[in-house]
Amino acid sequence: MKLGILGGTFDPIHIGHLMIAQEAAIRLALDEVWFIPTGQPWLKNGSKISPANDRLEMVRRAIRCNSGFKVSTIEIDRPGPTYTVDTLESLREGDAKGDSLFFILGMDSLEDLHQWHQPERLFDLCTLVGVSRPAQRTFDLRSLDHIRPGAASEIAIIDSLDIGISGNEIRRRVFQSLPITDWVPSIIEKYIYEHHLYEEDGIEY
């Protein structure tokens, strides 16, 4: 099975995430896309994120109507910092054993890949799929070759997705009592307001 992996804090999950997952499924002929909310994202130490149970529940509700989308709690269930290489190894040894893994991430994340934990190992565990966003279209993939020789040629690219939605902007809008309709599915908008998410001061945007 060809399995797409889309990780992130999903704080909150929004229309952009769903569009990326659907487009990746179509262009790469993926059988399923698994959404994996991070547990303790070590690259965001010091940043305030919502409780894992809220982020997980929002993902579950957002993907409920798409039979090709699944959610995995592997990173939330695992204690300690969340490292992508550990997640991919666990998947290959467990629920996704024998599957071909395609790890989907934004071009901004690809640009910062050298900061990840043991990034060179990612290329042995999966196919990295870079999704272009309006602000990152000029990123030179050849800069990845210093992580692993020839890495640039191993990246699959999905472009032409003009998605300007971000979790930071959604949280800011909620805090400022601005509408987020059309930024997130209606069921997620309802969850955010019912659970009073993003209403506290001190959240980084």
N, C-alpha and C. Protein backbone atom coordinates (compact mmCIF):
# COMPACT_ATOMS: atom_id res chain seq x y z
N MET A 1 0.84 -1.19 0.00
CA MET A 1 0.00 0.00 0.00
C MET A 1 0.88 1.25 0.00
N LYS A 2 0.46 2.26 -0.73
CA LYS A 2 1.15 3.54 -0.74
C LYS A 2 0.47 4.44 0.29
N LEU A 3 1.24 4.80 1.29
CA LEU A 3 0.67 5.48 2.46
C LEU A 3 1.29 6.85 2.63
N GLY A 4 0.47 7.90 2.60
CA GLY A 4 0.92 9.25 2.86
C GLY A 4 0.90 9.54 4.34
N ILE A 5 1.91 10.25 4.82
CA ILE A 5 1.99 10.63 6.23
C ILE A 5 2.02 12.15 6.29
N LEU A 6 1.07 12.73 6.99
CA LEU A 6 1.02 14.18 7.17
C LEU A 6 1.06 14.48 8.67
N GLY A 7 2.21 14.94 9.12
CA GLY A 7 2.36 15.26 10.54
C GLY A 7 2.22 16.75 10.79
N GLY A 8 2.06 17.10 12.05
CA GLY A 8 1.96 18.52 12.41
C GLY A 8 1.30 18.67 13.76
N THR A 9 1.35 19.88 14.28
CA THR A 9 0.65 20.12 15.56
C THR A 9 -0.85 20.13 15.34
N PHE A 10 -1.30 20.54 14.13
CA PHE A 10 -2.73 20.66 13.84
C PHE A 10 -3.43 21.47 14.93
N ASP A 11 -2.94 22.69 15.08
CA ASP A 11 -3.42 23.56 16.18
C ASP A 11 -3.92 24.89 15.63
N PRO A 12 -5.04 24.87 14.87
CA PRO A 12 -5.92 23.74 14.58
C PRO A 12 -5.65 23.16 13.18
N ILE A 13 -6.26 21.99 12.91
CA ILE A 13 -6.30 21.50 11.55
C ILE A 13 -7.17 22.47 10.75
N HIS A 14 -6.77 22.73 9.48
CA HIS A 14 -7.53 23.70 8.70
C HIS A 14 -7.68 23.22 7.25
N ILE A 15 -8.36 24.03 6.48
CA ILE A 15 -8.67 23.67 5.09
C ILE A 15 -7.40 23.38 4.30
N GLY A 16 -6.33 24.13 4.57
CA GLY A 16 -5.08 23.91 3.86
C GLY A 16 -4.54 22.51 4.05
N HIS A 17 -4.58 22.00 5.29
CA HIS A 17 -4.12 20.64 5.56
C HIS A 17 -4.91 19.62 4.72
N LEU A 18 -6.22 19.81 4.69
CA LEU A 18 -7.07 18.86 3.98
C LEU A 18 -6.83 18.93 2.47
N MET A 19 -6.62 20.13 1.96
CA MET A 19 -6.33 20.29 0.53
C MET A 19 -5.00 19.62 0.16
N ILE A 20 -4.00 19.81 1.00
CA ILE A 20 -2.69 19.20 0.75
C ILE A 20 -2.79 17.68 0.74
N ALA A 21 -3.49 17.14 1.73
CA ALA A 21 -3.63 15.68 1.82
C ALA A 21 -4.36 15.12 0.61
N GLN A 22 -5.43 15.80 0.19
CA GLN A 22 -6.20 15.33 -0.95
C GLN A 22 -5.40 15.40 -2.25
N GLU A 23 -4.66 16.52 -2.43
CA GLU A 23 -3.87 16.68 -3.64
C GLU A 23 -2.74 15.66 -3.69
N ALA A 24 -2.11 15.40 -2.55
CA ALA A 24 -1.05 14.39 -2.50
C ALA A 24 -1.60 13.01 -2.84
N ALA A 25 -2.77 12.71 -2.32
CA ALA A 25 -3.39 11.41 -2.59
C ALA A 25 -3.65 11.24 -4.08
N ILE A 26 -4.09 12.31 -4.73
CA ILE A 26 -4.41 12.24 -6.16
C ILE A 26 -3.13 12.14 -6.99
N ARG A 27 -2.19 13.03 -6.75
CA ARG A 27 -1.01 13.11 -7.62
C ARG A 27 -0.06 11.94 -7.44
N LEU A 28 0.00 11.38 -6.22
CA LEU A 28 0.92 10.28 -5.95
C LEU A 28 0.22 8.93 -5.91
N ALA A 29 -1.09 8.92 -6.21
CA ALA A 29 -1.87 7.68 -6.20
C ALA A 29 -1.75 6.96 -4.87
N LEU A 30 -1.92 7.72 -3.79
CA LEU A 30 -1.82 7.14 -2.44
C LEU A 30 -3.11 6.40 -2.10
N ASP A 31 -2.96 5.29 -1.40
CA ASP A 31 -4.14 4.54 -0.96
C ASP A 31 -4.80 5.19 0.25
N GLU A 32 -3.98 5.73 1.14
CA GLU A 32 -4.49 6.42 2.32
C GLU A 32 -3.53 7.54 2.70
N VAL A 33 -4.05 8.51 3.43
CA VAL A 33 -3.20 9.53 4.05
C VAL A 33 -3.49 9.49 5.55
N TRP A 34 -2.42 9.33 6.32
CA TRP A 34 -2.55 9.31 7.78
C TRP A 34 -2.11 10.65 8.35
N PHE A 35 -2.99 11.24 9.16
CA PHE A 35 -2.67 12.47 9.87
C PHE A 35 -2.10 12.09 11.24
N ILE A 36 -0.93 12.63 11.56
CA ILE A 36 -0.29 12.27 12.82
C ILE A 36 -0.01 13.54 13.63
N PRO A 37 -0.89 13.85 14.59
CA PRO A 37 -0.64 15.02 15.45
C PRO A 37 0.60 14.79 16.32
N THR A 38 1.44 15.80 16.42
CA THR A 38 2.63 15.68 17.24
C THR A 38 2.28 15.64 18.72
N GLY A 39 3.13 14.94 19.47
CA GLY A 39 2.95 14.91 20.91
C GLY A 39 3.66 16.09 21.55
N GLN A 40 4.99 15.99 21.63
CA GLN A 40 5.82 17.05 22.20
C GLN A 40 6.80 17.50 21.12
N PRO A 41 6.43 18.50 20.30
CA PRO A 41 7.29 18.92 19.18
C PRO A 41 8.54 19.64 19.67
N TRP A 42 9.70 18.99 19.58
CA TRP A 42 10.91 19.55 20.17
C TRP A 42 11.37 20.82 19.47
N LEU A 43 11.02 20.98 18.20
CA LEU A 43 11.40 22.21 17.49
C LEU A 43 10.57 23.41 17.92
N LYS A 44 9.50 23.15 18.69
CA LYS A 44 8.66 24.25 19.15
C LYS A 44 8.73 24.40 20.66
N ASN A 45 9.83 23.96 21.24
CA ASN A 45 10.01 24.14 22.68
C ASN A 45 9.88 25.62 23.04
N GLY A 46 9.08 25.89 24.06
CA GLY A 46 8.86 27.27 24.48
C GLY A 46 7.62 27.89 23.88
N SER A 47 7.08 27.27 22.83
CA SER A 47 5.85 27.77 22.22
C SER A 47 4.64 27.10 22.86
N LYS A 48 3.60 27.84 23.02
CA LYS A 48 2.40 27.30 23.63
C LYS A 48 1.58 26.58 22.57
N ILE A 49 1.22 25.33 22.83
CA ILE A 49 0.33 24.60 21.93
C ILE A 49 -0.83 24.05 22.75
N SER A 50 -1.93 23.79 22.07
CA SER A 50 -3.12 23.29 22.74
C SER A 50 -2.91 21.86 23.22
N PRO A 51 -3.69 21.41 24.21
CA PRO A 51 -3.58 20.03 24.70
C PRO A 51 -3.74 19.02 23.57
N ALA A 52 -3.03 17.93 23.68
CA ALA A 52 -3.04 16.91 22.63
C ALA A 52 -4.45 16.37 22.37
N ASN A 53 -5.25 16.23 23.44
CA ASN A 53 -6.58 15.66 23.24
C ASN A 53 -7.46 16.57 22.38
N ASP A 54 -7.29 17.89 22.51
CA ASP A 54 -8.06 18.81 21.68
C ASP A 54 -7.60 18.75 20.23
N ARG A 55 -6.29 18.74 20.02
CA ARG A 55 -5.78 18.71 18.65
C ARG A 55 -6.15 17.40 17.96
N LEU A 56 -6.08 16.30 18.70
CA LEU A 56 -6.45 15.00 18.15
C LEU A 56 -7.93 14.95 17.80
N GLU A 57 -8.77 15.46 18.67
CA GLU A 57 -10.21 15.43 18.43
C GLU A 57 -10.58 16.28 17.21
N MET A 58 -9.90 17.41 17.05
CA MET A 58 -10.18 18.24 15.87
C MET A 58 -9.82 17.51 14.59
N VAL A 59 -8.70 16.79 14.59
CA VAL A 59 -8.31 16.02 13.40
C VAL A 59 -9.35 14.94 13.12
N ARG A 60 -9.75 14.23 14.15
CA ARG A 60 -10.75 13.16 13.97
C ARG A 60 -12.03 13.70 13.35
N ARG A 61 -12.48 14.84 13.83
CA ARG A 61 -13.71 15.41 13.30
C ARG A 61 -13.54 15.91 11.87
N ALA A 62 -12.38 16.50 11.58
CA ALA A 62 -12.16 17.09 10.26
C ALA A 62 -12.09 16.05 9.16
N ILE A 63 -11.57 14.86 9.45
CA ILE A 63 -11.37 13.85 8.40
C ILE A 63 -12.45 12.78 8.39
N ARG A 64 -13.43 12.94 9.25
CA ARG A 64 -14.44 11.90 9.46
C ARG A 64 -15.12 11.47 8.18
N CYS A 65 -15.35 12.38 7.26
CA CYS A 65 -16.14 12.07 6.06
C CYS A 65 -15.31 11.59 4.88
N ASN A 66 -13.99 11.45 5.06
CA ASN A 66 -13.14 10.99 3.96
C ASN A 66 -12.57 9.63 4.32
N SER A 67 -13.02 8.60 3.62
CA SER A 67 -12.61 7.23 3.95
C SER A 67 -11.13 6.98 3.68
N GLY A 68 -10.51 7.85 2.88
CA GLY A 68 -9.08 7.68 2.59
C GLY A 68 -8.17 8.35 3.59
N PHE A 69 -8.74 9.07 4.54
CA PHE A 69 -7.97 9.75 5.57
C PHE A 69 -8.10 9.00 6.90
N LYS A 70 -6.98 8.81 7.58
CA LYS A 70 -6.96 8.17 8.89
C LYS A 70 -6.17 9.05 9.86
N VAL A 71 -6.31 8.77 11.14
CA VAL A 71 -5.53 9.48 12.14
C VAL A 71 -4.76 8.46 12.97
N SER A 72 -3.52 8.77 13.29
CA SER A 72 -2.70 7.91 14.14
C SER A 72 -2.29 8.69 15.39
N THR A 73 -2.34 8.03 16.53
CA THR A 73 -1.96 8.65 17.80
C THR A 73 -0.54 8.26 18.21
N ILE A 74 0.24 7.75 17.28
CA ILE A 74 1.56 7.20 17.61
C ILE A 74 2.46 8.21 18.31
N GLU A 75 2.41 9.48 17.89
CA GLU A 75 3.30 10.47 18.50
C GLU A 75 2.74 11.00 19.82
N ILE A 76 1.42 11.09 19.91
CA ILE A 76 0.81 11.52 21.16
C ILE A 76 1.00 10.47 22.24
N ASP A 77 0.94 9.20 21.85
CA ASP A 77 1.06 8.10 22.81
C ASP A 77 2.49 7.91 23.29
N ARG A 78 3.46 8.35 22.49
CA ARG A 78 4.86 8.13 22.84
C ARG A 78 5.36 9.27 23.73
N PRO A 79 5.92 8.97 24.90
CA PRO A 79 6.41 10.03 25.80
C PRO A 79 7.70 10.66 25.26
N GLY A 80 7.96 11.87 25.71
CA GLY A 80 9.19 12.54 25.33
C GLY A 80 9.06 13.30 24.03
N PRO A 81 10.16 13.88 23.57
CA PRO A 81 10.15 14.68 22.34
C PRO A 81 9.73 13.85 21.13
N THR A 82 9.07 14.53 20.17
CA THR A 82 8.60 13.88 18.96
C THR A 82 9.64 14.03 17.86
N TYR A 83 10.23 12.91 17.43
CA TYR A 83 11.18 12.91 16.33
C TYR A 83 10.59 12.13 15.16
N THR A 84 10.61 12.73 13.98
CA THR A 84 10.00 12.09 12.81
C THR A 84 10.66 10.76 12.48
N VAL A 85 11.99 10.67 12.61
CA VAL A 85 12.66 9.41 12.28
C VAL A 85 12.16 8.27 13.17
N ASP A 86 11.89 8.56 14.45
CA ASP A 86 11.38 7.53 15.35
C ASP A 86 9.97 7.10 14.94
N THR A 87 9.16 8.09 14.54
CA THR A 87 7.79 7.78 14.10
C THR A 87 7.80 6.89 12.86
N LEU A 88 8.62 7.24 11.89
CA LEU A 88 8.67 6.46 10.65
C LEU A 88 9.19 5.05 10.90
N GLU A 89 10.18 4.92 11.76
CA GLU A 89 10.69 3.58 12.08
C GLU A 89 9.62 2.74 12.77
N SER A 90 8.89 3.36 13.69
CA SER A 90 7.83 2.63 14.39
C SER A 90 6.73 2.20 13.43
N LEU A 91 6.38 3.08 12.50
CA LEU A 91 5.35 2.73 11.52
C LEU A 91 5.80 1.58 10.63
N ARG A 92 7.06 1.61 10.19
CA ARG A 92 7.57 0.57 9.31
C ARG A 92 7.67 -0.77 10.02
N GLU A 93 7.80 -0.73 11.34
CA GLU A 93 7.89 -1.97 12.11
C GLU A 93 6.53 -2.42 12.63
N GLY A 94 5.52 -1.54 12.52
CA GLY A 94 4.22 -1.84 13.10
C GLY A 94 3.08 -1.74 12.11
N ASP A 95 2.22 -0.72 12.30
CA ASP A 95 0.97 -0.62 11.53
C ASP A 95 1.18 -0.46 10.03
N ALA A 96 2.32 0.08 9.61
CA ALA A 96 2.56 0.30 8.19
C ALA A 96 3.65 -0.63 7.65
N LYS A 97 3.86 -1.75 8.29
CA LYS A 97 4.89 -2.69 7.86
C LYS A 97 4.61 -3.16 6.44
N GLY A 98 5.60 -3.03 5.58
CA GLY A 98 5.46 -3.46 4.20
C GLY A 98 4.90 -2.40 3.27
N ASP A 99 4.46 -1.28 3.81
CA ASP A 99 3.90 -0.20 3.00
C ASP A 99 5.00 0.74 2.52
N SER A 100 4.74 1.44 1.44
CA SER A 100 5.62 2.50 0.96
C SER A 100 5.15 3.81 1.58
N LEU A 101 6.05 4.49 2.29
CA LEU A 101 5.67 5.68 3.04
C LEU A 101 6.09 6.95 2.29
N PHE A 102 5.18 7.90 2.24
CA PHE A 102 5.42 9.20 1.61
C PHE A 102 5.14 10.27 2.66
N PHE A 103 6.21 10.90 3.12
CA PHE A 103 6.09 11.89 4.19
C PHE A 103 5.88 13.28 3.59
N ILE A 104 4.73 13.87 3.85
CA ILE A 104 4.31 15.13 3.22
C ILE A 104 4.66 16.30 4.13
N LEU A 105 5.36 17.29 3.58
CA LEU A 105 5.72 18.45 4.37
C LEU A 105 5.84 19.67 3.47
N GLY A 106 5.72 20.84 4.07
CA GLY A 106 5.80 22.07 3.31
C GLY A 106 7.23 22.38 2.90
N MET A 107 7.37 23.22 1.89
CA MET A 107 8.70 23.60 1.44
C MET A 107 9.45 24.35 2.53
N ASP A 108 8.73 25.05 3.39
CA ASP A 108 9.38 25.74 4.51
C ASP A 108 10.04 24.75 5.45
N SER A 109 9.38 23.60 5.65
CA SER A 109 9.97 22.56 6.49
C SER A 109 11.17 21.90 5.80
N LEU A 110 11.08 21.73 4.48
CA LEU A 110 12.22 21.19 3.74
C LEU A 110 13.43 22.12 3.88
N GLU A 111 13.17 23.41 3.85
CA GLU A 111 14.25 24.39 3.97
C GLU A 111 14.95 24.29 5.32
N ASP A 112 14.19 23.87 6.34
CA ASP A 112 14.75 23.74 7.69
C ASP A 112 15.14 22.30 8.02
N LEU A 113 15.16 21.43 7.03
CA LEU A 113 15.36 20.00 7.28
C LEU A 113 16.69 19.72 7.99
N HIS A 114 17.69 20.54 7.73
CA HIS A 114 18.99 20.31 8.36
C HIS A 114 18.94 20.46 9.88
N GLN A 115 17.88 21.10 10.39
CA GLN A 115 17.74 21.27 11.83
C GLN A 115 17.03 20.09 12.49
N TRP A 116 16.47 19.19 11.69
CA TRP A 116 15.73 18.07 12.23
C TRP A 116 16.68 17.05 12.86
N HIS A 117 16.12 16.18 13.65
CA HIS A 117 16.88 15.12 14.29
C HIS A 117 17.22 14.04 13.27
N GLN A 118 18.52 13.83 13.03
CA GLN A 118 19.03 12.82 12.11
C GLN A 118 18.30 12.86 10.75
N PRO A 119 18.32 14.01 10.08
CA PRO A 119 17.56 14.16 8.84
C PRO A 119 18.02 13.23 7.72
N GLU A 120 19.29 12.83 7.73
CA GLU A 120 19.78 11.96 6.66
C GLU A 120 19.08 10.61 6.66
N ARG A 121 18.58 10.18 7.82
CA ARG A 121 17.91 8.88 7.92
C ARG A 121 16.53 8.89 7.29
N LEU A 122 15.94 10.06 7.14
CA LEU A 122 14.60 10.15 6.58
C LEU A 122 14.54 9.56 5.18
N PHE A 123 15.61 9.74 4.41
CA PHE A 123 15.62 9.31 3.02
C PHE A 123 15.62 7.78 2.88
N ASP A 124 16.03 7.09 3.93
CA ASP A 124 15.99 5.62 3.91
C ASP A 124 14.64 5.08 4.39
N LEU A 125 13.88 5.92 5.05
CA LEU A 125 12.63 5.47 5.67
C LEU A 125 11.39 5.81 4.85
N CYS A 126 11.51 6.80 3.97
CA CYS A 126 10.33 7.25 3.24
C CYS A 126 10.74 8.04 2.00
N THR A 127 9.76 8.40 1.21
CA THR A 127 9.93 9.39 0.16
C THR A 127 9.42 10.71 0.70
N LEU A 128 10.26 11.72 0.70
CA LEU A 128 9.85 13.04 1.16
C LEU A 128 9.08 13.74 0.04
N VAL A 129 7.95 14.32 0.41
CA VAL A 129 7.09 15.01 -0.55
C VAL A 129 6.99 16.48 -0.14
N GLY A 130 7.58 17.35 -0.93
CA GLY A 130 7.55 18.78 -0.64
C GLY A 130 6.37 19.45 -1.30
N VAL A 131 5.59 20.19 -0.51
CA VAL A 131 4.43 20.92 -1.03
C VAL A 131 4.76 22.40 -1.06
N SER A 132 4.75 23.00 -2.24
CA SER A 132 5.11 24.40 -2.35
C SER A 132 4.01 25.29 -1.79
N ARG A 133 4.44 26.34 -1.10
CA ARG A 133 3.53 27.35 -0.61
C ARG A 133 3.99 28.68 -1.22
N PRO A 134 3.10 29.66 -1.29
CA PRO A 134 3.44 30.91 -2.00
C PRO A 134 4.77 31.52 -1.59
N ALA A 135 5.13 31.45 -0.31
CA ALA A 135 6.34 32.14 0.16
C ALA A 135 7.61 31.31 0.00
N GLN A 136 7.49 30.03 -0.36
CA GLN A 136 8.67 29.16 -0.40
C GLN A 136 8.98 28.61 -1.80
N ARG A 137 8.45 29.17 -2.83
CA ARG A 137 8.61 28.59 -4.16
C ARG A 137 10.02 28.75 -4.72
N THR A 138 10.83 29.62 -4.15
CA THR A 138 12.17 29.85 -4.68
C THR A 138 13.24 29.03 -3.95
N PHE A 139 12.83 28.16 -3.02
CA PHE A 139 13.79 27.35 -2.28
C PHE A 139 14.55 26.43 -3.23
N ASP A 140 15.86 26.43 -3.11
CA ASP A 140 16.72 25.61 -3.96
C ASP A 140 16.89 24.23 -3.34
N LEU A 141 16.29 23.23 -3.94
CA LEU A 141 16.35 21.87 -3.40
C LEU A 141 17.77 21.34 -3.34
N ARG A 142 18.65 21.86 -4.18
CA ARG A 142 20.03 21.35 -4.19
C ARG A 142 20.74 21.60 -2.86
N SER A 143 20.22 22.53 -2.06
CA SER A 143 20.84 22.77 -0.75
C SER A 143 20.67 21.59 0.18
N LEU A 144 19.76 20.67 -0.15
CA LEU A 144 19.56 19.47 0.66
C LEU A 144 20.68 18.46 0.47
N ASP A 145 21.47 18.62 -0.56
CA ASP A 145 22.53 17.65 -0.85
C ASP A 145 23.61 17.64 0.22
N HIS A 146 23.67 18.69 1.04
CA HIS A 146 24.67 18.66 2.11
C HIS A 146 24.21 17.77 3.26
N ILE A 147 22.91 17.44 3.29
CA ILE A 147 22.40 16.49 4.28
C ILE A 147 22.71 15.08 3.86
N ARG A 148 22.51 14.84 2.58
CA ARG A 148 22.79 13.52 1.99
C ARG A 148 23.05 13.73 0.50
N PRO A 149 24.15 13.29 -0.01
CA PRO A 149 24.46 13.48 -1.44
C PRO A 149 23.33 12.95 -2.32
N GLY A 150 22.88 13.78 -3.24
CA GLY A 150 21.81 13.39 -4.15
C GLY A 150 20.42 13.51 -3.58
N ALA A 151 20.29 14.08 -2.39
CA ALA A 151 18.99 14.16 -1.73
C ALA A 151 17.97 14.92 -2.57
N ALA A 152 18.41 15.98 -3.23
CA ALA A 152 17.49 16.82 -4.00
C ALA A 152 16.74 16.02 -5.05
N SER A 153 17.40 15.04 -5.64
CA SER A 153 16.78 14.25 -6.71
C SER A 153 15.79 13.22 -6.16
N GLU A 154 15.79 13.02 -4.85
CA GLU A 154 14.90 12.03 -4.24
C GLU A 154 13.60 12.63 -3.73
N ILE A 155 13.47 13.96 -3.81
CA ILE A 155 12.29 14.64 -3.30
C ILE A 155 11.19 14.66 -4.36
N ALA A 156 9.97 14.29 -3.97
CA ALA A 156 8.81 14.48 -4.84
C ALA A 156 8.20 15.84 -4.53
N ILE A 157 7.83 16.59 -5.56
CA ILE A 157 7.33 17.94 -5.37
C ILE A 157 5.88 18.05 -5.85
N ILE A 158 5.07 18.68 -5.01
CA ILE A 158 3.70 19.01 -5.39
C ILE A 158 3.60 20.53 -5.38
N ASP A 159 3.37 21.11 -6.56
CA ASP A 159 3.28 22.56 -6.62
C ASP A 159 1.90 22.99 -7.12
N SER A 160 1.77 24.28 -7.35
CA SER A 160 0.53 24.88 -7.83
C SER A 160 -0.58 24.90 -6.79
N LEU A 161 -0.25 24.65 -5.53
CA LEU A 161 -1.25 24.79 -4.47
C LEU A 161 -1.06 26.16 -3.82
N ASP A 162 -1.98 27.05 -4.07
CA ASP A 162 -1.85 28.43 -3.58
C ASP A 162 -2.63 28.54 -2.27
N ILE A 163 -2.05 28.00 -1.21
CA ILE A 163 -2.72 27.98 0.09
C ILE A 163 -2.05 28.99 1.02
N GLY A 164 -2.79 29.99 1.43
CA GLY A 164 -2.23 31.01 2.31
C GLY A 164 -2.73 30.92 3.73
N ILE A 165 -3.34 29.80 4.09
CA ILE A 165 -3.90 29.63 5.43
C ILE A 165 -2.82 29.12 6.37
N SER A 166 -2.79 29.65 7.58
CA SER A 166 -1.83 29.16 8.58
C SER A 166 -2.50 29.07 9.94
N GLY A 167 -2.01 28.14 10.76
CA GLY A 167 -2.52 28.00 12.11
C GLY A 167 -2.30 29.26 12.92
N ASN A 168 -1.14 29.89 12.72
CA ASN A 168 -0.85 31.14 13.46
C ASN A 168 -1.92 32.18 13.21
N GLU A 169 -2.29 32.36 11.94
CA GLU A 169 -3.27 33.37 11.59
C GLU A 169 -4.65 33.01 12.14
N ILE A 170 -5.00 31.74 12.12
CA ILE A 170 -6.30 31.32 12.66
C ILE A 170 -6.35 31.61 14.16
N ARG A 171 -5.29 31.26 14.89
CA ARG A 171 -5.27 31.52 16.33
C ARG A 171 -5.35 33.01 16.63
N ARG A 172 -4.65 33.80 15.82
CA ARG A 172 -4.69 35.25 16.01
C ARG A 172 -6.10 35.78 15.79
N ARG A 173 -6.76 35.30 14.77
CA ARG A 173 -8.11 35.78 14.45
C ARG A 173 -9.10 35.41 15.55
N VAL A 174 -8.98 34.20 16.08
CA VAL A 174 -9.87 33.81 17.17
C VAL A 174 -9.64 34.70 18.38
N PHE A 175 -8.37 34.94 18.71
CA PHE A 175 -8.04 35.79 19.86
C PHE A 175 -8.60 37.20 19.69
N GLN A 176 -8.63 37.69 18.45
CA GLN A 176 -9.12 39.03 18.18
C GLN A 176 -10.60 39.05 17.82
N SER A 177 -11.27 37.91 18.03
CA SER A 177 -12.71 37.78 17.76
C SER A 177 -13.06 38.06 16.30
N LEU A 178 -12.18 37.66 15.39
CA LEU A 178 -12.42 37.79 13.96
C LEU A 178 -12.94 36.46 13.42
N PRO A 179 -13.72 36.47 12.34
CA PRO A 179 -14.28 35.22 11.82
C PRO A 179 -13.21 34.32 11.21
N ILE A 180 -13.43 33.01 11.31
CA ILE A 180 -12.54 32.02 10.70
C ILE A 180 -13.31 31.09 9.77
N THR A 181 -14.55 31.47 9.45
CA THR A 181 -15.35 30.71 8.50
C THR A 181 -14.60 30.64 7.17
N ASP A 182 -14.57 29.46 6.57
CA ASP A 182 -13.87 29.17 5.32
C ASP A 182 -12.37 28.94 5.53
N TRP A 183 -11.86 29.17 6.74
CA TRP A 183 -10.47 28.85 7.05
C TRP A 183 -10.38 27.42 7.60
N VAL A 184 -11.40 27.01 8.32
CA VAL A 184 -11.46 25.67 8.91
C VAL A 184 -12.83 25.07 8.60
N PRO A 185 -12.95 23.74 8.60
CA PRO A 185 -14.28 23.14 8.44
C PRO A 185 -15.22 23.65 9.53
N SER A 186 -16.50 23.75 9.23
CA SER A 186 -17.46 24.29 10.18
C SER A 186 -17.47 23.52 11.50
N ILE A 187 -17.24 22.20 11.42
CA ILE A 187 -17.23 21.39 12.63
C ILE A 187 -16.04 21.74 13.52
N ILE A 188 -14.94 22.19 12.92
CA ILE A 188 -13.77 22.61 13.68
C ILE A 188 -13.98 24.00 14.26
N GLU A 189 -14.59 24.88 13.50
CA GLU A 189 -14.92 26.21 14.02
C GLU A 189 -15.81 26.09 15.26
N LYS A 190 -16.78 25.21 15.19
CA LYS A 190 -17.68 24.99 16.32
C LYS A 190 -16.90 24.46 17.53
N TYR A 191 -15.99 23.51 17.29
CA TYR A 191 -15.21 22.92 18.39
C TYR A 191 -14.34 23.99 19.05
N ILE A 192 -13.70 24.83 18.25
CA ILE A 192 -12.82 25.86 18.80
C ILE A 192 -13.57 26.78 19.74
N TYR A 193 -14.76 27.21 19.33
CA TYR A 193 -15.51 28.15 20.16
C TYR A 193 -16.16 27.46 21.36
N GLU A 194 -16.61 26.23 21.17
CA GLU A 194 -17.22 25.50 22.30
C GLU A 194 -16.20 25.21 23.39
N HIS A 195 -14.94 25.01 23.01
CA HIS A 195 -13.90 24.67 23.98
C HIS A 195 -12.99 25.86 24.30
N HIS A 196 -13.37 27.02 23.81
CA HIS A 196 -12.68 28.28 24.15
C HIS A 196 -11.17 28.22 23.85
N LEU A 197 -10.85 27.61 22.72
CA LEU A 197 -9.44 27.55 22.32
C LEU A 197 -8.99 28.90 21.77
N TYR A 198 -7.73 29.21 21.99
CA TYR A 198 -7.05 30.39 21.44
C TYR A 198 -7.59 31.72 21.95
N GLU A 199 -8.33 31.68 23.05
CA GLU A 199 -8.88 32.93 23.58
C GLU A 199 -7.97 33.59 24.60
N GLU A 200 -6.93 32.86 25.07
CA GLU A 200 -6.06 33.41 26.09
C GLU A 200 -4.95 34.25 25.49
N ASP A 201 -4.54 35.27 26.20
CA ASP A 201 -3.42 36.10 25.77
C ASP A 201 -2.13 35.31 25.97
N GLY A 202 -1.08 35.74 25.29
CA GLY A 202 0.22 35.11 25.49
C GLY A 202 0.54 34.03 24.47
N ILE A 203 -0.39 33.75 23.55
CA ILE A 203 -0.13 32.77 22.50
C ILE A 203 0.74 33.42 21.44
N GLU A 204 1.76 32.70 20.97
CA GLU A 204 2.64 33.23 19.94
C GLU A 204 1.99 33.08 18.57
N TYR A 205 2.05 34.14 17.75
CA TYR A 205 1.40 34.09 16.43
C TYR A 205 2.43 34.18 15.32
